[in-house]
Amino acid sequence: MIRIAGKHIYHFEAEIENNPEMILRLYIYGFEIGMERKEVKHGRITIRFPQVKVFYWEPNSRTPGTPAETEGRGSPPDRMKLTLVFPDGTPHDYCTETYKPPRGGMIYWT
């Protein structure tokens, strides 16, 4: 997690393989971070989730967007999505962007 000027919060995850349940972990972490800085105004609580980005270190057969994962299903997803359905039946999507290195590449930091 990166906090800038105490106001902007970013949550980064780095992964090698795609795990469809990873979005659940990101939601839980985001909720916990939001609870730490919740706002209460006029009897209403506001929870702000941090910006989230998932980095895939290298493409492999279980990484979203590689040929084995997308064969016959169109272009790879650039976002992960979790749909929350509330008691009144309304669905709300929690989404996060992903970054995948170019085909045949890896992420290198120096």
PDB file of N, CA and C in Angstrom:
ATOM      1  N   MET A   1       0.849  -1.166   0.000  1.00  0.00           N
ATOM      2  CA  MET A   1       0.000   0.000   0.000  1.00  0.00           C
ATOM      3  C   MET A   1       0.897   1.232   0.000  1.00  0.00           C
ATOM      4  N   ILE A   2       0.507   2.210  -0.781  1.00  0.00           N
ATOM      5  CA  ILE A   2       1.224   3.477  -0.857  1.00  0.00           C
ATOM      6  C   ILE A   2       0.251   4.582  -0.497  1.00  0.00           C
ATOM      7  N   ARG A   3       0.685   5.455   0.394  1.00  0.00           N
ATOM      8  CA  ARG A   3      -0.145   6.589   0.811  1.00  0.00           C
ATOM      9  C   ARG A   3       0.590   7.868   0.414  1.00  0.00           C
ATOM     10  N   ILE A   4      -0.075   8.755  -0.304  1.00  0.00           N
ATOM     11  CA  ILE A   4       0.530  10.000  -0.760  1.00  0.00           C
ATOM     12  C   ILE A   4      -0.181  11.168  -0.101  1.00  0.00           C
ATOM     13  N   ALA A   5       0.592  11.965   0.610  1.00  0.00           N
ATOM     14  CA  ALA A   5       0.082  13.161   1.299  1.00  0.00           C
ATOM     15  C   ALA A   5      -1.071  12.830   2.243  1.00  0.00           C
ATOM     16  N   GLY A   6      -1.102  11.596   2.751  1.00  0.00           N
ATOM     17  CA  GLY A   6      -2.133  11.185   3.691  1.00  0.00           C
ATOM     18  C   GLY A   6      -3.529  11.132   3.102  1.00  0.00           C
ATOM     19  N   LYS A   7      -3.653  11.408   1.800  1.00  0.00           N
ATOM     20  CA  LYS A   7      -4.974  11.487   1.193  1.00  0.00           C
ATOM     21  C   LYS A   7      -5.197  10.402   0.137  1.00  0.00           C
ATOM     22  N   HIS A   8      -4.257  10.232  -0.754  1.00  0.00           N
ATOM     23  CA  HIS A   8      -4.394   9.274  -1.849  1.00  0.00           C
ATOM     24  C   HIS A   8      -3.776   7.944  -1.437  1.00  0.00           C
ATOM     25  N   ILE A   9      -4.551   6.878  -1.564  1.00  0.00           N
ATOM     26  CA  ILE A   9      -4.075   5.561  -1.158  1.00  0.00           C
ATOM     27  C   ILE A   9      -4.167   4.611  -2.342  1.00  0.00           C
ATOM     28  N   TYR A  10      -3.069   3.887  -2.561  1.00  0.00           N
ATOM     29  CA  TYR A  10      -2.987   2.934  -3.658  1.00  0.00           C
ATOM     30  C   TYR A  10      -2.598   1.572  -3.098  1.00  0.00           C
ATOM     31  N   HIS A  11      -3.242   0.548  -3.573  1.00  0.00           N
ATOM     32  CA  HIS A  11      -2.968  -0.824  -3.145  1.00  0.00           C
ATOM     33  C   HIS A  11      -2.516  -1.593  -4.382  1.00  0.00           C
ATOM     34  N   PHE A  12      -1.293  -2.121  -4.328  1.00  0.00           N
ATOM     35  CA  PHE A  12      -0.749  -2.880  -5.443  1.00  0.00           C
ATOM     36  C   PHE A  12      -0.561  -4.331  -5.028  1.00  0.00           C
ATOM     37  N   GLU A  13      -0.903  -5.235  -5.904  1.00  0.00           N
ATOM     38  CA  GLU A  13      -0.671  -6.670  -5.696  1.00  0.00           C
ATOM     39  C   GLU A  13       0.170  -7.165  -6.858  1.00  0.00           C
ATOM     40  N   ALA A  14       1.118  -8.029  -6.579  1.00  0.00           N
ATOM     41  CA  ALA A  14       1.937  -8.644  -7.622  1.00  0.00           C
ATOM     42  C   ALA A  14       1.672 -10.148  -7.600  1.00  0.00           C
ATOM     43  N   GLU A  15       1.398 -10.703  -8.753  1.00  0.00           N
ATOM     44  CA  GLU A  15       1.053 -12.115  -8.866  1.00  0.00           C
ATOM     45  C   GLU A  15       1.797 -12.748 -10.034  1.00  0.00           C
ATOM     46  N   ILE A  16       1.958 -14.045  -9.971  1.00  0.00           N
ATOM     47  CA  ILE A  16       2.520 -14.795 -11.092  1.00  0.00           C
ATOM     48  C   ILE A  16       1.394 -15.523 -11.811  1.00  0.00           C
ATOM     49  N   GLU A  17       0.521 -16.175 -11.077  1.00  0.00           N
ATOM     50  CA  GLU A  17      -0.568 -16.934 -11.685  1.00  0.00           C
ATOM     51  C   GLU A  17      -1.912 -16.297 -11.355  1.00  0.00           C
ATOM     52  N   ASN A  18      -2.855 -16.514 -12.240  1.00  0.00           N
ATOM     53  CA  ASN A  18      -4.198 -16.001 -12.010  1.00  0.00           C
ATOM     54  C   ASN A  18      -4.938 -16.893 -11.029  1.00  0.00           C
ATOM     55  N   ASN A  19      -5.522 -16.286 -10.040  1.00  0.00           N
ATOM     56  CA  ASN A  19      -6.367 -16.976  -9.082  1.00  0.00           C
ATOM     57  C   ASN A  19      -7.701 -16.242  -9.089  1.00  0.00           C
ATOM     58  N   PRO A  20      -8.757 -16.866  -9.605  1.00  0.00           N
ATOM     59  CA  PRO A  20     -10.045 -16.174  -9.705  1.00  0.00           C
ATOM     60  C   PRO A  20     -10.552 -15.615  -8.373  1.00  0.00           C
ATOM     61  N   GLU A  21     -10.121 -16.181  -7.254  1.00  0.00           N
ATOM     62  CA  GLU A  21     -10.589 -15.694  -5.956  1.00  0.00           C
ATOM     63  C   GLU A  21      -9.742 -14.542  -5.419  1.00  0.00           C
ATOM     64  N   MET A  22      -8.708 -14.143  -6.163  1.00  0.00           N
ATOM     65  CA  MET A  22      -7.864 -13.034  -5.730  1.00  0.00           C
ATOM     66  C   MET A  22      -8.689 -11.762  -5.544  1.00  0.00           C
ATOM     67  N   ILE A  23      -9.704 -11.554  -6.372  1.00  0.00           N
ATOM     68  CA  ILE A  23     -10.527 -10.362  -6.270  1.00  0.00           C
ATOM     69  C   ILE A  23     -11.226 -10.287  -4.911  1.00  0.00           C
ATOM     70  N   LEU A  24     -11.524 -11.427  -4.307  1.00  0.00           N
ATOM     71  CA  LEU A  24     -12.116 -11.427  -2.955  1.00  0.00           C
ATOM     72  C   LEU A  24     -11.131 -10.856  -1.941  1.00  0.00           C
ATOM     73  N   ARG A  25      -9.879 -11.282  -2.042  1.00  0.00           N
ATOM     74  CA  ARG A  25      -8.845 -10.782  -1.122  1.00  0.00           C
ATOM     75  C   ARG A  25      -8.657  -9.280  -1.317  1.00  0.00           C
ATOM     76  N   LEU A  26      -8.653  -8.821  -2.563  1.00  0.00           N
ATOM     77  CA  LEU A  26      -8.490  -7.394  -2.833  1.00  0.00           C
ATOM     78  C   LEU A  26      -9.650  -6.588  -2.254  1.00  0.00           C
ATOM     79  N   TYR A  27     -10.864  -7.125  -2.358  1.00  0.00           N
ATOM     80  CA  TYR A  27     -12.031  -6.449  -1.796  1.00  0.00           C
ATOM     81  C   TYR A  27     -11.923  -6.355  -0.268  1.00  0.00           C
ATOM     82  N   ILE A  28     -11.539  -7.463   0.358  1.00  0.00           N
ATOM     83  CA  ILE A  28     -11.416  -7.476   1.823  1.00  0.00           C
ATOM     84  C   ILE A  28     -10.350  -6.492   2.282  1.00  0.00           C
ATOM     85  N   TYR A  29      -9.172  -6.505   1.636  1.00  0.00           N
ATOM     86  CA  TYR A  29      -8.117  -5.544   1.988  1.00  0.00           C
ATOM     87  C   TYR A  29      -8.611  -4.119   1.786  1.00  0.00           C
ATOM     88  N   GLY A  30      -9.286  -3.868   0.662  1.00  0.00           N
ATOM     89  CA  GLY A  30      -9.796  -2.533   0.388  1.00  0.00           C
ATOM     90  C   GLY A  30     -10.803  -2.070   1.426  1.00  0.00           C
ATOM     91  N   PHE A  31     -11.671  -2.992   1.855  1.00  0.00           N
ATOM     92  CA  PHE A  31     -12.651  -2.659   2.884  1.00  0.00           C
ATOM     93  C   PHE A  31     -11.951  -2.319   4.197  1.00  0.00           C
ATOM     94  N   GLU A  32     -10.944  -3.116   4.568  1.00  0.00           N
ATOM     95  CA  GLU A  32     -10.204  -2.852   5.809  1.00  0.00           C
ATOM     96  C   GLU A  32      -9.491  -1.507   5.747  1.00  0.00           C
ATOM     97  N   ILE A  33      -8.883  -1.192   4.609  1.00  0.00           N
ATOM     98  CA  ILE A  33      -8.212   0.105   4.441  1.00  0.00           C
ATOM     99  C   ILE A  33      -9.248   1.223   4.511  1.00  0.00           C
ATOM    100  N   GLY A  34     -10.387   1.037   3.858  1.00  0.00           N
ATOM    101  CA  GLY A  34     -11.449   2.034   3.894  1.00  0.00           C
ATOM    102  C   GLY A  34     -11.984   2.277   5.302  1.00  0.00           C
ATOM    103  N   MET A  35     -12.105   1.213   6.088  1.00  0.00           N
ATOM    104  CA  MET A  35     -12.593   1.357   7.469  1.00  0.00           C
ATOM    105  C   MET A  35     -11.630   2.174   8.320  1.00  0.00           C
ATOM    106  N   GLU A  36     -10.342   2.069   8.043  1.00  0.00           N
ATOM    107  CA  GLU A  36      -9.354   2.840   8.805  1.00  0.00           C
ATOM    108  C   GLU A  36      -9.528   4.342   8.603  1.00  0.00           C
ATOM    109  N   ARG A  37     -10.087   4.735   7.470  1.00  0.00           N
ATOM    110  CA  ARG A  37     -10.228   6.171   7.183  1.00  0.00           C
ATOM    111  C   ARG A  37     -11.663   6.551   6.829  1.00  0.00           C
ATOM    112  N   LYS A  38     -12.601   5.859   7.449  1.00  0.00           N
ATOM    113  CA  LYS A  38     -14.017   6.145   7.174  1.00  0.00           C
ATOM    114  C   LYS A  38     -14.376   7.566   7.602  1.00  0.00           C
ATOM    115  N   GLU A  39     -15.387   8.100   6.944  1.00  0.00           N
ATOM    116  CA  GLU A  39     -15.868   9.436   7.256  1.00  0.00           C
ATOM    117  C   GLU A  39     -17.300   9.346   7.756  1.00  0.00           C
ATOM    118  N   VAL A  40     -17.605  10.110   8.801  1.00  0.00           N
ATOM    119  CA  VAL A  40     -18.973  10.155   9.314  1.00  0.00           C
ATOM    120  C   VAL A  40     -19.445  11.598   9.236  1.00  0.00           C
ATOM    121  N   LYS A  41     -20.482  11.817   8.432  1.00  0.00           N
ATOM    122  CA  LYS A  41     -21.053  13.162   8.283  1.00  0.00           C
ATOM    123  C   LYS A  41     -22.563  13.051   8.293  1.00  0.00           C
ATOM    124  N   HIS A  42     -23.193  13.839   9.138  1.00  0.00           N
ATOM    125  CA  HIS A  42     -24.654  13.890   9.213  1.00  0.00           C
ATOM    126  C   HIS A  42     -25.252  12.501   9.438  1.00  0.00           C
ATOM    127  N   GLY A  43     -24.590  11.698  10.266  1.00  0.00           N
ATOM    128  CA  GLY A  43     -25.099  10.369  10.595  1.00  0.00           C
ATOM    129  C   GLY A  43     -24.905   9.330   9.497  1.00  0.00           C
ATOM    130  N   ARG A  44     -24.142   9.672   8.474  1.00  0.00           N
ATOM    131  CA  ARG A  44     -23.901   8.738   7.363  1.00  0.00           C
ATOM    132  C   ARG A  44     -22.411   8.396   7.294  1.00  0.00           C
ATOM    133  N   ILE A  45     -22.113   7.113   7.171  1.00  0.00           N
ATOM    134  CA  ILE A  45     -20.721   6.656   7.101  1.00  0.00           C
ATOM    135  C   ILE A  45     -20.337   6.460   5.638  1.00  0.00           C
ATOM    136  N   THR A  46     -19.170   6.988   5.264  1.00  0.00           N
ATOM    137  CA  THR A  46     -18.638   6.803   3.915  1.00  0.00           C
ATOM    138  C   THR A  46     -17.308   6.066   4.023  1.00  0.00           C
ATOM    139  N   ILE A  47     -17.179   4.993   3.249  1.00  0.00           N
ATOM    140  CA  ILE A  47     -15.943   4.221   3.200  1.00  0.00           C
ATOM    141  C   ILE A  47     -15.378   4.356   1.794  1.00  0.00           C
ATOM    142  N   ARG A  48     -14.156   4.844   1.701  1.00  0.00           N
ATOM    143  CA  ARG A  48     -13.503   5.017   0.403  1.00  0.00           C
ATOM    144  C   ARG A  48     -12.455   3.924   0.213  1.00  0.00           C
ATOM    145  N   PHE A  49     -12.613   3.178  -0.853  1.00  0.00           N
ATOM    146  CA  PHE A  49     -11.656   2.123  -1.180  1.00  0.00           C
ATOM    147  C   PHE A  49     -10.438   2.728  -1.861  1.00  0.00           C
ATOM    148  N   PRO A  50      -9.274   2.125  -1.667  1.00  0.00           N
ATOM    149  CA  PRO A  50      -8.081   2.624  -2.351  1.00  0.00           C
ATOM    150  C   PRO A  50      -8.096   2.244  -3.836  1.00  0.00           C
ATOM    151  N   GLN A  51      -7.289   2.931  -4.620  1.00  0.00           N
ATOM    152  CA  GLN A  51      -7.063   2.522  -5.999  1.00  0.00           C
ATOM    153  C   GLN A  51      -6.297   1.209  -5.962  1.00  0.00           C
ATOM    154  N   VAL A  52      -6.689   0.232  -6.782  1.00  0.00           N
ATOM    155  CA  VAL A  52      -6.062  -1.087  -6.770  1.00  0.00           C
ATOM    156  C   VAL A  52      -5.567  -1.433  -8.164  1.00  0.00           C
ATOM    157  N   LYS A  53      -4.400  -2.047  -8.224  1.00  0.00           N
ATOM    158  CA  LYS A  53      -3.862  -2.530  -9.503  1.00  0.00           C
ATOM    159  C   LYS A  53      -3.150  -3.841  -9.233  1.00  0.00           C
ATOM    160  N   VAL A  54      -3.390  -4.837 -10.090  1.00  0.00           N
ATOM    161  CA  VAL A  54      -2.733  -6.135  -9.984  1.00  0.00           C
ATOM    162  C   VAL A  54      -1.700  -6.230 -11.098  1.00  0.00           C
ATOM    163  N   PHE A  55      -0.466  -6.519 -10.728  1.00  0.00           N
ATOM    164  CA  PHE A  55       0.622  -6.697 -11.687  1.00  0.00           C
ATOM    165  C   PHE A  55       0.921  -8.178 -11.815  1.00  0.00           C
ATOM    166  N   TYR A  56       0.939  -8.672 -13.027  1.00  0.00           N
ATOM    167  CA  TYR A  56       1.368 -10.044 -13.284  1.00  0.00           C
ATOM    168  C   TYR A  56       2.829  -9.974 -13.716  1.00  0.00           C
ATOM    169  N   TRP A  57       3.703 -10.674 -12.993  1.00  0.00           N
ATOM    170  CA  TRP A  57       5.144 -10.602 -13.237  1.00  0.00           C
ATOM    171  C   TRP A  57       5.533 -11.143 -14.601  1.00  0.00           C
ATOM    172  N   GLU A  58       4.960 -12.255 -14.990  1.00  0.00           N
ATOM    173  CA  GLU A  58       5.288 -12.837 -16.288  1.00  0.00           C
ATOM    174  C   GLU A  58       4.085 -13.608 -16.792  1.00  0.00           C
ATOM    175  N   PRO A  59       3.905 -13.637 -18.099  1.00  0.00           N
ATOM    176  CA  PRO A  59       2.782 -14.400 -18.627  1.00  0.00           C
ATOM    177  C   PRO A  59       3.053 -15.894 -18.542  1.00  0.00           C
ATOM    178  N   ASN A  60       2.035 -16.662 -18.219  1.00  0.00           N
ATOM    179  CA  ASN A  60       2.119 -18.120 -18.251  1.00  0.00           C
ATOM    180  C   ASN A  60       0.724 -18.640 -18.551  1.00  0.00           C
ATOM    181  N   SER A  61       0.565 -19.936 -18.604  1.00  0.00           N
ATOM    182  CA  SER A  61      -0.711 -20.502 -19.042  1.00  0.00           C
ATOM    183  C   SER A  61      -1.877 -20.171 -18.118  1.00  0.00           C
ATOM    184  N   ARG A  62      -1.609 -19.729 -16.892  1.00  0.00           N
ATOM    185  CA  ARG A  62      -2.714 -19.398 -15.986  1.00  0.00           C
ATOM    186  C   ARG A  62      -2.873 -17.894 -15.799  1.00  0.00           C
ATOM    187  N   THR A  63      -2.131 -17.087 -16.543  1.00  0.00           N
ATOM    188  CA  THR A  63      -2.249 -15.641 -16.469  1.00  0.00           C
ATOM    189  C   THR A  63      -3.339 -15.177 -17.422  1.00  0.00           C
ATOM    190  N   PRO A  64      -4.256 -14.308 -16.976  1.00  0.00           N
ATOM    191  CA  PRO A  64      -5.297 -13.842 -17.888  1.00  0.00           C
ATOM    192  C   PRO A  64      -4.672 -13.220 -19.132  1.00  0.00           C
ATOM    193  N   GLY A  65      -5.201 -13.592 -20.271  1.00  0.00           N
ATOM    194  CA  GLY A  65      -4.735 -12.987 -21.508  1.00  0.00           C
ATOM    195  C   GLY A  65      -3.722 -13.796 -22.277  1.00  0.00           C
ATOM    196  N   THR A  66      -3.198 -14.871 -21.713  1.00  0.00           N
ATOM    197  CA  THR A  66      -2.268 -15.704 -22.466  1.00  0.00           C
ATOM    198  C   THR A  66      -3.084 -16.647 -23.331  1.00  0.00           C
ATOM    199  N   PRO A  67      -2.507 -17.179 -24.410  1.00  0.00           N
ATOM    200  CA  PRO A  67      -3.290 -17.982 -25.353  1.00  0.00           C
ATOM    201  C   PRO A  67      -4.103 -19.103 -24.715  1.00  0.00           C
ATOM    202  N   ALA A  68      -3.552 -19.842 -23.768  1.00  0.00           N
ATOM    203  CA  ALA A  68      -4.302 -20.945 -23.150  1.00  0.00           C
ATOM    204  C   ALA A  68      -5.515 -20.436 -22.390  1.00  0.00           C
ATOM    205  N   GLU A  69      -5.422 -19.245 -21.833  1.00  0.00           N
ATOM    206  CA  GLU A  69      -6.510 -18.691 -21.033  1.00  0.00           C
ATOM    207  C   GLU A  69      -7.608 -18.094 -21.910  1.00  0.00           C
ATOM    208  N   THR A  70      -7.244 -17.526 -23.063  1.00  0.00           N
ATOM    209  CA  THR A  70      -8.222 -16.774 -23.848  1.00  0.00           C
ATOM    210  C   THR A  70      -8.670 -17.495 -25.107  1.00  0.00           C
ATOM    211  N   GLU A  71      -8.159 -18.660 -25.356  1.00  0.00           N
ATOM    212  CA  GLU A  71      -8.487 -19.354 -26.596  1.00  0.00           C
ATOM    213  C   GLU A  71     -10.002 -19.444 -26.771  1.00  0.00           C
ATOM    214  N   GLY A  72     -10.479 -18.853 -27.859  1.00  0.00           N
ATOM    215  CA  GLY A  72     -11.898 -18.914 -28.161  1.00  0.00           C
ATOM    216  C   GLY A  72     -12.762 -17.965 -27.347  1.00  0.00           C
ATOM    217  N   ARG A  73     -12.165 -17.100 -26.518  1.00  0.00           N
ATOM    218  CA  ARG A  73     -12.976 -16.221 -25.674  1.00  0.00           C
ATOM    219  C   ARG A  73     -12.724 -14.746 -25.941  1.00  0.00           C
ATOM    220  N   GLY A  74     -12.105 -14.405 -27.062  1.00  0.00           N
ATOM    221  CA  GLY A  74     -11.884 -13.003 -27.388  1.00  0.00           C
ATOM    222  C   GLY A  74     -10.683 -12.417 -26.665  1.00  0.00           C
ATOM    223  N   SER A  75     -10.667 -11.105 -26.559  1.00  0.00           N
ATOM    224  CA  SER A  75      -9.513 -10.425 -25.985  1.00  0.00           C
ATOM    225  C   SER A  75      -9.432 -10.622 -24.476  1.00  0.00           C
ATOM    226  N   PRO A  76      -8.219 -10.545 -23.911  1.00  0.00           N
ATOM    227  CA  PRO A  76      -8.034 -10.785 -22.475  1.00  0.00           C
ATOM    228  C   PRO A  76      -8.640  -9.669 -21.630  1.00  0.00           C
ATOM    229  N   PRO A  77      -9.062 -10.002 -20.428  1.00  0.00           N
ATOM    230  CA  PRO A  77      -9.620  -8.965 -19.550  1.00  0.00           C
ATOM    231  C   PRO A  77      -8.523  -8.044 -19.029  1.00  0.00           C
ATOM    232  N   ASP A  78      -8.817  -6.775 -18.974  1.00  0.00           N
ATOM    233  CA  ASP A  78      -7.899  -5.806 -18.387  1.00  0.00           C
ATOM    234  C   ASP A  78      -8.327  -5.444 -16.977  1.00  0.00           C
ATOM    235  N   ARG A  79      -9.461  -6.005 -16.559  1.00  0.00           N
ATOM    236  CA  ARG A  79      -9.989  -5.725 -15.226  1.00  0.00           C
ATOM    237  C   ARG A  79     -10.474  -7.019 -14.593  1.00  0.00           C
ATOM    238  N   MET A  80     -10.426  -7.046 -13.274  1.00  0.00           N
ATOM    239  CA  MET A  80     -11.021  -8.147 -12.515  1.00  0.00           C
ATOM    240  C   MET A  80     -12.296  -7.583 -11.902  1.00  0.00           C
ATOM    241  N   LYS A  81     -13.316  -8.413 -11.786  1.00  0.00           N
ATOM    242  CA  LYS A  81     -14.598  -7.896 -11.292  1.00  0.00           C
ATOM    243  C   LYS A  81     -15.218  -8.860 -10.283  1.00  0.00           C
ATOM    244  N   LEU A  82     -15.734  -8.280  -9.208  1.00  0.00           N
ATOM    245  CA  LEU A  82     -16.489  -9.006  -8.190  1.00  0.00           C
ATOM    246  C   LEU A  82     -17.857  -8.340  -8.136  1.00  0.00           C
ATOM    247  N   THR A  83     -18.919  -9.115  -8.245  1.00  0.00           N
ATOM    248  CA  THR A  83     -20.265  -8.560  -8.160  1.00  0.00           C
ATOM    249  C   THR A  83     -20.829  -8.852  -6.775  1.00  0.00           C
ATOM    250  N   LEU A  84     -21.226  -7.790  -6.090  1.00  0.00           N
ATOM    251  CA  LEU A  84     -21.856  -7.892  -4.775  1.00  0.00           C
ATOM    252  C   LEU A  84     -23.352  -7.697  -4.972  1.00  0.00           C
ATOM    253  N   VAL A  85     -24.164  -8.588  -4.437  1.00  0.00           N
ATOM    254  CA  VAL A  85     -25.616  -8.455  -4.538  1.00  0.00           C
ATOM    255  C   VAL A  85     -26.153  -8.163  -3.140  1.00  0.00           C
ATOM    256  N   PHE A  86     -26.785  -7.016  -3.000  1.00  0.00           N
ATOM    257  CA  PHE A  86     -27.289  -6.580  -1.705  1.00  0.00           C
ATOM    258  C   PHE A  86     -28.669  -7.174  -1.437  1.00  0.00           C
ATOM    259  N   PRO A  87     -29.149  -7.113  -0.183  1.00  0.00           N
ATOM    260  CA  PRO A  87     -30.422  -7.747   0.169  1.00  0.00           C
ATOM    261  C   PRO A  87     -31.609  -7.305  -0.692  1.00  0.00           C
ATOM    262  N   ASP A  88     -31.564  -6.080  -1.218  1.00  0.00           N
ATOM    263  CA  ASP A  88     -32.673  -5.633  -2.066  1.00  0.00           C
ATOM    264  C   ASP A  88     -32.551  -6.143  -3.501  1.00  0.00           C
ATOM    265  N   GLY A  89     -31.512  -6.947  -3.758  1.00  0.00           N
ATOM    266  CA  GLY A  89     -31.330  -7.551  -5.072  1.00  0.00           C
ATOM    267  C   GLY A  89     -30.500  -6.736  -6.046  1.00  0.00           C
ATOM    268  N   THR A  90     -30.062  -5.545  -5.643  1.00  0.00           N
ATOM    269  CA  THR A  90     -29.279  -4.719  -6.556  1.00  0.00           C
ATOM    270  C   THR A  90     -27.823  -5.193  -6.592  1.00  0.00           C
ATOM    271  N   PRO A  91     -27.294  -5.393  -7.803  1.00  0.00           N
ATOM    272  CA  PRO A  91     -25.893  -5.788  -7.932  1.00  0.00           C
ATOM    273  C   PRO A  91     -24.989  -4.554  -8.010  1.00  0.00           C
ATOM    274  N   HIS A  92     -23.821  -4.656  -7.413  1.00  0.00           N
ATOM    275  CA  HIS A  92     -22.814  -3.590  -7.463  1.00  0.00           C
ATOM    276  C   HIS A  92     -21.482  -4.254  -7.765  1.00  0.00           C
ATOM    277  N   ASP A  93     -20.767  -3.720  -8.753  1.00  0.00           N
ATOM    278  CA  ASP A  93     -19.490  -4.305  -9.159  1.00  0.00           C
ATOM    279  C   ASP A  93     -18.321  -3.609  -8.485  1.00  0.00           C
ATOM    280  N   TYR A  94     -17.388  -4.411  -7.978  1.00  0.00           N
ATOM    281  CA  TYR A  94     -16.104  -3.938  -7.472  1.00  0.00           C
ATOM    282  C   TYR A  94     -15.086  -4.376  -8.518  1.00  0.00           C
ATOM    283  N   CYS A  95     -14.409  -3.417  -9.142  1.00  0.00           N
ATOM    284  CA  CYS A  95     -13.494  -3.729 -10.243  1.00  0.00           C
ATOM    285  C   CYS A  95     -12.092  -3.226  -9.941  1.00  0.00           C
ATOM    286  N   THR A  96     -11.115  -3.914 -10.498  1.00  0.00           N
ATOM    287  CA  THR A  96      -9.739  -3.468 -10.409  1.00  0.00           C
ATOM    288  C   THR A  96      -9.050  -3.752 -11.736  1.00  0.00           C
ATOM    289  N   GLU A  97      -8.103  -2.915 -12.081  1.00  0.00           N
ATOM    290  CA  GLU A  97      -7.359  -3.084 -13.320  1.00  0.00           C
ATOM    291  C   GLU A  97      -6.199  -4.056 -13.124  1.00  0.00           C
ATOM    292  N   THR A  98      -5.788  -4.669 -14.224  1.00  0.00           N
ATOM    293  CA  THR A  98      -4.619  -5.537 -14.190  1.00  0.00           C
ATOM    294  C   THR A  98      -3.583  -5.006 -15.168  1.00  0.00           C
ATOM    295  N   TYR A  99      -2.339  -5.341 -14.911  1.00  0.00           N
ATOM    296  CA  TYR A  99      -1.264  -5.033 -15.841  1.00  0.00           C
ATOM    297  C   TYR A  99      -0.540  -6.326 -16.145  1.00  0.00           C
ATOM    298  N   LYS A 100      -0.390  -6.612 -17.434  1.00  0.00           N
ATOM    299  CA  LYS A 100       0.343  -7.795 -17.870  1.00  0.00           C
ATOM    300  C   LYS A 100       1.498  -7.331 -18.737  1.00  0.00           C
ATOM    301  N   PRO A 101       2.690  -7.887 -18.558  1.00  0.00           N
ATOM    302  CA  PRO A 101       3.809  -7.472 -19.410  1.00  0.00           C
ATOM    303  C   PRO A 101       3.546  -7.867 -20.853  1.00  0.00           C
ATOM    304  N   PRO A 102       4.217  -7.206 -21.787  1.00  0.00           N
ATOM    305  CA  PRO A 102       4.045  -7.588 -23.188  1.00  0.00           C
ATOM    306  C   PRO A 102       4.378  -9.064 -23.401  1.00  0.00           C
ATOM    307  N   ARG A 103       3.760  -9.660 -24.381  1.00  0.00           N
ATOM    308  CA  ARG A 103       3.984 -11.067 -24.671  1.00  0.00           C
ATOM    309  C   ARG A 103       5.490 -11.356 -24.793  1.00  0.00           C
ATOM    310  N   GLY A 104       5.938 -12.392 -24.091  1.00  0.00           N
ATOM    311  CA  GLY A 104       7.350 -12.761 -24.125  1.00  0.00           C
ATOM    312  C   GLY A 104       8.195 -11.918 -23.178  1.00  0.00           C
ATOM    313  N   GLY A 105       7.568 -11.012 -22.431  1.00  0.00           N
ATOM    314  CA  GLY A 105       8.336 -10.133 -21.549  1.00  0.00           C
ATOM    315  C   GLY A 105       8.072 -10.412 -20.093  1.00  0.00           C
ATOM    316  N   MET A 106       8.845  -9.783 -19.268  1.00  0.00           N
ATOM    317  CA  MET A 106       8.682  -9.844 -17.819  1.00  0.00           C
ATOM    318  C   MET A 106       8.793  -8.424 -17.298  1.00  0.00           C
ATOM    319  N   ILE A 107       8.364  -8.215 -16.065  1.00  0.00           N
ATOM    320  CA  ILE A 107       8.554  -6.935 -15.414  1.00  0.00           C
ATOM    321  C   ILE A 107       9.910  -6.973 -14.710  1.00  0.00           C
ATOM    322  N   TYR A 108      10.756  -6.027 -14.995  1.00  0.00           N
ATOM    323  CA  TYR A 108      12.046  -5.920 -14.309  1.00  0.00           C
ATOM    324  C   TYR A 108      12.126  -4.568 -13.642  1.00  0.00           C
ATOM    325  N   TRP A 109      12.468  -4.548 -12.379  1.00  0.00           N
ATOM    326  CA  TRP A 109      12.653  -3.288 -11.659  1.00  0.00           C
ATOM    327  C   TRP A 109      14.102  -3.209 -11.244  1.00  0.00           C
ATOM    328  N   THR A 110      14.702  -2.049 -11.399  1.00  0.00           N
ATOM    329  CA  THR A 110      16.094  -1.866 -10.980  1.00  0.00           C
ATOM    330  C   THR A 110      16.186  -0.767  -9.970  1.00  0.00           C
TER     331      THR A 110
END
